[in-house]
Structures are given as C-alpha cells and as structure tokens.
Amino acid sequence: MWESPTSLLVIGAGLPRTGTMSMKKALETIFSQPCYHGFEIMTGRQRDIPKWQMLVDEVRRTHREEKIHRYLSEILDCYVAVTDVPSCAFYRELMNIHPYAKVVITVRDKDDWLDSFRQVIMPKSDDPSKQQFEEAKRLAGVPIEWDKLLTDSLKLAFQKEDIDFDDDAMLLECYDNHIKTLQENIPSVRLLVHRLGDGWEPLCRFLNVDVPANKPYPKMNQRSDMIKLRDLIKKFGSIEEVARMHPGIM
C-alpha cells in the first residue's frame, strides 16, 4: 500500500462555487499550512493538469488503487487540506489514504449555486457571454486541457457520465445527489456540512480547534469579484498583470 508523505487533515468535498476558496483560506488560517484548491492550477501548478487527468481516467477505467494513491499523494504532498475541483471528485480515495482526515462539504442554495456556476465556471453553449468568457480564459493563460479536466472531474464527482452541461435541471439534480451521497455514505462524526455564511464556529468545533481571534471568516471569490477579475484580465491581457496592478483581487 502506498503511504502518503503528508497526511491530509481535511478533505473538501464541496463543488466549485460553494465557498471553496473561502474554506481554503479558513483552513490555512487554522492550520498555518497550505490547502490545495483548483485555483492553484490556474496560478502556478498547471503541471498538475496531466496528473489529475490521469487520475480521472484511472478511476473511471481500471481503478488500480496503488496507482491512484501514488498520484494523489504526489500532487498533494506538503498540503494539509484540499478543496474544490478536481479533488472533490476524489473524496472516497482520499478518505482511504487518510483515514483520520475529516470531510467538509461546502454548500449553498442550489439556485444561487447554479447562477454562480453559469457566470463564473461554465456558461451555456448558447450564452452571448460565452465568447468573452473563453477569451478571458485564454488571456489568463488557462490551458485548453483544463476544460476537459473540469468536465471529467464533475462527471466523476456526480457519478454520471452522460451529463448535458447545458441542462440546468440536470445540473441541479446532480448537485442535490452529490450532497445526498456524501451524507448517506460518510459517518456523521467525520462529515461537516458547512453552509455559505456559517462562519468559524461550526468549522472550528468540528475540527476541535479554537476560533481564530479577531479574524473575520474569509469571503473569497465572491461572484462580483470573479466577474471583475474576468474583466480585468481582458483589460490587462494576463492574470500576472492583474495580480501586479490589483493584488487585492487575487
């Protein structure tokens, strides 16, 4: 059995646009160590994309446990927690590798989630803003391989291969089923459902740590900020230039 060089303390199983970046910052505040988030891939760890894609393919096809464990451990070495996509699709495997890690699923009102998902992650194919959205991704240097990893990871998380990502009703059903599956299959002592706006108290109680003194719970990647970021990328031409000119938004 492959052993992980670093043990995860928290496995984030929440879908993108459910407060996963805020959870990342909260966990980093609590543990003073890094938490892996999908945005890492966009801002310096693009080399991880082929590894994640191999993991997705491995789980969907042959599911060789030792290989899966080795890849996950290599990617997540030096991290004490993980949130967002693509890792939310691997909560089962991560729970096996890290039997003492706790699982947090971030959730929000499902209609709000869908609206945010459409604006920030995946507009419909016929959305008039789709072209601008894709141009912003190109200027930001997002690899084209990311789109396949995103959709494949979501299919894996939803345990559903035949998803029509333009079908709002189907996405909402998948969202509900993802939460239900987690609640039905993970012991309550190991699972926290953290709703957008819950703040420090339930999280710290669940992790048996003190609430950080004089620090508000992080509010990161709010929809308005992400739309502003997209517009700034289009204006300045790269995510690096946006980070230099507007460091607060990153």
Protein backbone atom coordinates (compact mmCIF):
# COMPACT_ATOMS: atom_id res chain seq x y z
CA MET A 1 0.00 0.00 0.00
CA TRP A 2 1.30 3.43 -0.98
CA GLU A 3 1.74 5.73 2.01
CA SER A 4 1.26 9.46 1.69
CA PRO A 5 4.29 11.62 2.60
CA THR A 6 1.95 14.19 4.15
CA SER A 7 -1.32 13.41 5.91
CA LEU A 8 -4.33 15.47 4.96
CA LEU A 9 -6.33 16.76 7.89
CA VAL A 10 -9.34 18.00 5.91
CA ILE A 11 -10.85 16.75 2.67
CA GLY A 12 -13.09 19.31 1.00
CA ALA A 13 -15.83 17.57 -0.98
CA GLY A 14 -17.78 20.68 -1.94
CA LEU A 15 -18.37 21.59 -5.57
CA PRO A 16 -16.88 24.73 -7.14
CA ARG A 17 -18.80 27.95 -6.38
CA THR A 18 -19.89 26.78 -2.93
CA GLY A 19 -17.38 28.81 -0.92
CA THR A 20 -14.39 26.56 -1.55
CA MET A 21 -11.85 29.39 -1.77
CA SER A 22 -13.14 30.87 1.48
CA MET A 23 -12.80 27.41 3.03
CA LYS A 24 -9.24 27.17 1.70
CA LYS A 25 -8.31 30.46 3.36
CA ALA A 26 -10.09 29.46 6.58
CA LEU A 27 -8.21 26.16 6.79
CA GLU A 28 -4.90 27.87 6.06
CA THR A 29 -5.63 30.29 8.88
CA ILE A 30 -6.44 27.45 11.27
CA PHE A 31 -3.50 25.19 10.42
CA SER A 32 -0.94 27.74 9.16
CA GLN A 33 -0.19 25.36 6.31
CA PRO A 34 -1.29 25.31 2.66
CA CYS A 35 -4.60 23.99 1.36
CA TYR A 36 -4.83 22.85 -2.26
CA HIS A 37 -7.58 24.45 -4.36
CA GLY A 38 -8.49 24.22 -8.03
CA PHE A 39 -7.32 27.80 -8.49
CA GLU A 40 -3.78 26.60 -7.70
CA ILE A 41 -3.79 25.01 -11.14
CA MET A 42 -4.51 28.37 -12.77
CA THR A 43 -1.88 30.29 -10.85
CA GLY A 44 1.26 28.20 -10.89
CA ARG A 45 0.52 24.48 -10.84
CA GLN A 46 -0.58 23.89 -14.41
CA ARG A 47 1.82 20.94 -14.40
CA ASP A 48 -0.74 19.15 -12.23
CA ILE A 49 -3.35 19.01 -15.00
CA PRO A 50 -1.95 15.88 -16.73
CA LYS A 51 -1.62 14.14 -13.37
CA TRP A 52 -5.22 14.93 -12.41
CA GLN A 53 -6.41 13.81 -15.84
CA MET A 54 -4.56 10.52 -15.47
CA LEU A 55 -6.21 10.11 -12.08
CA VAL A 56 -9.67 10.74 -13.50
CA ASP A 57 -9.05 8.26 -16.30
CA GLU A 58 -7.66 5.68 -13.88
CA VAL A 59 -10.64 5.88 -11.53
CA ARG A 60 -13.13 5.70 -14.40
CA ARG A 61 -11.45 2.73 -16.10
CA THR A 62 -9.11 0.31 -14.33
CA HIS A 63 -9.18 1.79 -10.81
CA ARG A 64 -5.77 0.46 -9.76
CA GLU A 65 -5.70 1.54 -6.14
CA GLU A 66 -1.95 1.79 -5.65
CA LYS A 67 -1.53 3.97 -8.74
CA ILE A 68 -4.37 6.26 -7.66
CA HIS A 69 -2.93 6.61 -4.18
CA ARG A 70 0.54 7.34 -5.53
CA TYR A 71 -0.67 10.08 -7.89
CA LEU A 72 -2.84 11.73 -5.26
CA SER A 73 -0.03 11.67 -2.74
CA GLU A 74 2.45 13.15 -5.22
CA ILE A 75 0.15 16.03 -6.14
CA LEU A 76 -0.94 16.81 -2.59
CA ASP A 77 2.37 16.35 -0.79
CA CYS A 78 3.01 19.29 1.61
CA TYR A 79 -0.71 20.19 1.77
CA VAL A 80 -2.77 19.60 4.91
CA ALA A 81 -6.14 20.15 3.26
CA VAL A 82 -7.78 20.19 -0.15
CA THR A 83 -10.91 21.81 -1.59
CA ASP A 84 -12.70 22.47 -4.89
CA VAL A 85 -12.46 20.67 -8.22
CA PRO A 86 -10.84 18.35 -9.26
CA SER A 87 -10.13 16.98 -5.80
CA CYS A 88 -13.79 16.97 -4.73
CA ALA A 89 -14.24 14.07 -7.15
CA PHE A 90 -11.70 12.01 -5.20
CA TYR A 91 -13.05 12.27 -1.67
CA ARG A 92 -13.56 8.49 -1.48
CA GLU A 93 -9.99 7.72 -2.47
CA LEU A 94 -8.61 10.45 -0.21
CA MET A 95 -10.60 9.10 2.73
CA ASN A 96 -8.98 5.70 2.19
CA ILE A 97 -5.50 7.19 2.01
CA HIS A 98 -6.09 9.44 5.03
CA PRO A 99 -8.36 7.50 7.42
CA TYR A 100 -8.18 10.17 10.12
CA ALA A 101 -8.96 13.12 7.87
CA LYS A 102 -12.31 14.82 8.27
CA VAL A 103 -14.56 15.71 5.36
CA VAL A 104 -16.15 19.12 4.84
CA ILE A 105 -18.75 19.71 2.17
CA THR A 106 -19.44 23.35 1.40
CA VAL A 107 -23.00 24.03 0.24
CA ARG A 108 -25.24 26.94 -0.70
CA ASP A 109 -28.73 27.49 -2.05
CA LYS A 110 -28.78 25.38 -5.19
CA ASP A 111 -30.32 28.05 -7.42
CA ASP A 112 -27.68 30.55 -6.30
CA TRP A 113 -25.06 27.90 -6.96
CA LEU A 114 -26.29 27.31 -10.49
CA ASP A 115 -26.36 31.04 -11.25
CA SER A 116 -22.80 31.46 -9.95
CA PHE A 117 -21.65 28.33 -11.78
CA ARG A 118 -23.02 29.70 -15.04
CA GLN A 119 -21.41 33.12 -14.61
CA VAL A 120 -18.00 32.03 -13.33
CA ILE A 121 -17.34 28.40 -14.30
CA MET A 122 -19.38 27.21 -17.26
CA PRO A 123 -21.77 29.40 -19.25
CA LYS A 124 -24.22 27.62 -21.51
CA SER A 125 -23.05 26.98 -25.05
CA ASP A 126 -25.54 29.50 -26.46
CA ASP A 127 -24.87 32.19 -23.83
CA PRO A 128 -23.98 35.51 -25.54
CA SER A 129 -21.18 35.99 -22.97
CA LYS A 130 -19.58 32.62 -23.81
CA GLN A 131 -17.12 34.09 -26.32
CA GLN A 132 -15.99 36.80 -23.88
CA PHE A 133 -15.68 34.16 -21.17
CA GLU A 134 -13.44 31.97 -23.33
CA GLU A 135 -11.33 34.96 -24.38
CA ALA A 136 -10.74 35.88 -20.73
CA LYS A 137 -9.60 32.32 -20.05
CA ARG A 138 -7.21 32.46 -22.99
CA LEU A 139 -5.73 35.76 -21.83
CA ALA A 140 -5.38 34.36 -18.32
CA GLY A 141 -3.30 31.53 -19.71
CA VAL A 142 -5.76 28.79 -18.76
CA PRO A 143 -4.65 25.68 -20.68
CA ILE A 144 -7.17 24.16 -23.05
CA GLU A 145 -6.66 20.87 -21.19
CA TRP A 146 -8.37 22.43 -18.17
CA ASP A 147 -11.81 22.28 -19.80
CA LYS A 148 -11.64 18.51 -20.25
CA LEU A 149 -10.34 18.02 -16.71
CA LEU A 150 -13.14 20.20 -15.33
CA THR A 151 -15.94 18.36 -17.11
CA ASP A 152 -14.45 14.91 -16.50
CA SER A 153 -13.93 15.69 -12.80
CA LEU A 154 -17.52 16.87 -12.43
CA LYS A 155 -18.80 13.74 -14.15
CA LEU A 156 -16.76 11.70 -11.68
CA ALA A 157 -17.96 13.71 -8.70
CA PHE A 158 -21.57 13.32 -9.84
CA GLN A 159 -21.05 9.63 -10.73
CA LYS A 160 -22.79 10.35 -14.02
CA GLU A 161 -21.11 10.11 -17.41
CA ASP A 162 -23.96 11.31 -19.63
CA ILE A 163 -24.31 14.85 -18.28
CA ASP A 164 -25.58 17.58 -20.56
CA PHE A 165 -23.84 20.59 -19.03
CA ASP A 166 -26.28 22.90 -20.81
CA ASP A 167 -29.20 21.31 -18.94
CA ASP A 168 -29.88 23.36 -15.79
CA ALA A 169 -32.36 20.85 -14.36
CA MET A 170 -29.84 18.03 -14.73
CA LEU A 171 -27.10 20.05 -13.02
CA LEU A 172 -29.39 20.89 -10.10
CA GLU A 173 -30.29 17.22 -9.73
CA CYS A 174 -26.60 16.29 -9.76
CA TYR A 175 -25.90 18.97 -7.14
CA ASP A 176 -28.56 17.56 -4.81
CA ASN A 177 -27.44 13.97 -5.38
CA HIS A 178 -23.82 14.83 -4.63
CA ILE A 179 -24.75 16.19 -1.21
CA LYS A 180 -27.11 13.30 -0.52
CA THR A 181 -24.48 10.71 -1.44
CA LEU A 182 -21.97 12.27 0.93
CA GLN A 183 -24.43 12.39 3.80
CA GLU A 184 -25.53 8.81 3.26
CA ASN A 185 -22.06 7.31 2.96
CA ILE A 186 -19.84 9.24 5.37
CA PRO A 187 -20.28 8.82 9.14
CA SER A 188 -21.64 11.98 10.74
CA VAL A 189 -18.66 12.18 13.11
CA ARG A 190 -16.42 12.55 10.08
CA LEU A 191 -18.57 14.89 7.96
CA LEU A 192 -19.43 18.57 8.29
CA VAL A 193 -21.94 20.25 6.02
CA HIS A 194 -20.75 23.86 6.00
CA ARG A 195 -23.27 26.27 4.53
CA LEU A 196 -22.30 29.54 2.97
CA GLY A 197 -22.41 32.07 5.81
CA ASP A 198 -21.87 29.57 8.65
CA GLY A 199 -18.52 31.12 9.53
CA TRP A 200 -15.94 29.91 12.04
CA GLU A 201 -17.99 28.33 14.82
CA PRO A 202 -19.22 25.05 13.26
CA LEU A 203 -15.95 24.52 11.40
CA CYS A 204 -13.72 25.03 14.44
CA ARG A 205 -15.99 22.94 16.65
CA PHE A 206 -15.87 20.12 14.10
CA LEU A 207 -12.06 20.30 13.88
CA ASN A 208 -11.70 20.74 17.64
CA VAL A 209 -9.69 23.96 17.34
CA ASP A 210 -10.12 27.45 18.72
CA VAL A 211 -11.86 30.11 16.68
CA PRO A 212 -9.16 32.47 15.31
CA ALA A 213 -9.13 35.60 17.43
CA ASN A 214 -10.15 38.90 15.84
CA LYS A 215 -10.29 37.45 12.35
CA PRO A 216 -13.48 37.51 10.28
CA TYR A 217 -14.26 34.38 8.32
CA PRO A 218 -12.80 34.76 4.81
CA LYS A 219 -15.06 35.84 1.97
CA MET A 220 -13.17 34.98 -1.19
CA ASN A 221 -14.08 34.64 -4.86
CA GLN A 222 -17.46 36.24 -4.49
CA ARG A 223 -19.32 36.33 -7.78
CA SER A 224 -18.88 40.08 -8.26
CA ASP A 225 -15.13 39.74 -7.63
CA MET A 226 -14.80 36.93 -10.17
CA ILE A 227 -16.67 38.92 -12.81
CA LYS A 228 -14.42 41.89 -12.06
CA LEU A 229 -11.38 39.63 -12.35
CA ARG A 230 -12.56 38.39 -15.74
CA ASP A 231 -12.99 41.99 -16.95
CA LEU A 232 -9.55 42.98 -15.64
CA ILE A 233 -7.91 40.06 -17.40
CA LYS A 234 -9.46 41.22 -20.63
CA LYS A 235 -8.25 44.78 -19.97
CA PHE A 236 -4.66 44.00 -18.94
CA GLY A 237 -4.09 40.89 -21.05
CA SER A 238 -2.81 38.46 -18.44
CA ILE A 239 -3.55 37.21 -14.95
CA GLU A 240 0.00 38.10 -13.89
CA GLU A 241 -0.53 41.76 -14.84
CA VAL A 242 -3.84 41.83 -12.99
CA ALA A 243 -2.12 40.44 -9.90
CA ARG A 244 0.51 43.19 -10.16
CA MET A 245 -1.94 46.04 -10.72
CA HIS A 246 -4.72 44.78 -8.42
CA PRO A 247 -3.13 42.46 -5.82
CA GLY A 248 -6.17 42.61 -3.56
CA ILE A 249 -8.44 40.86 -6.02
CA MET A 250 -6.27 37.75 -6.12
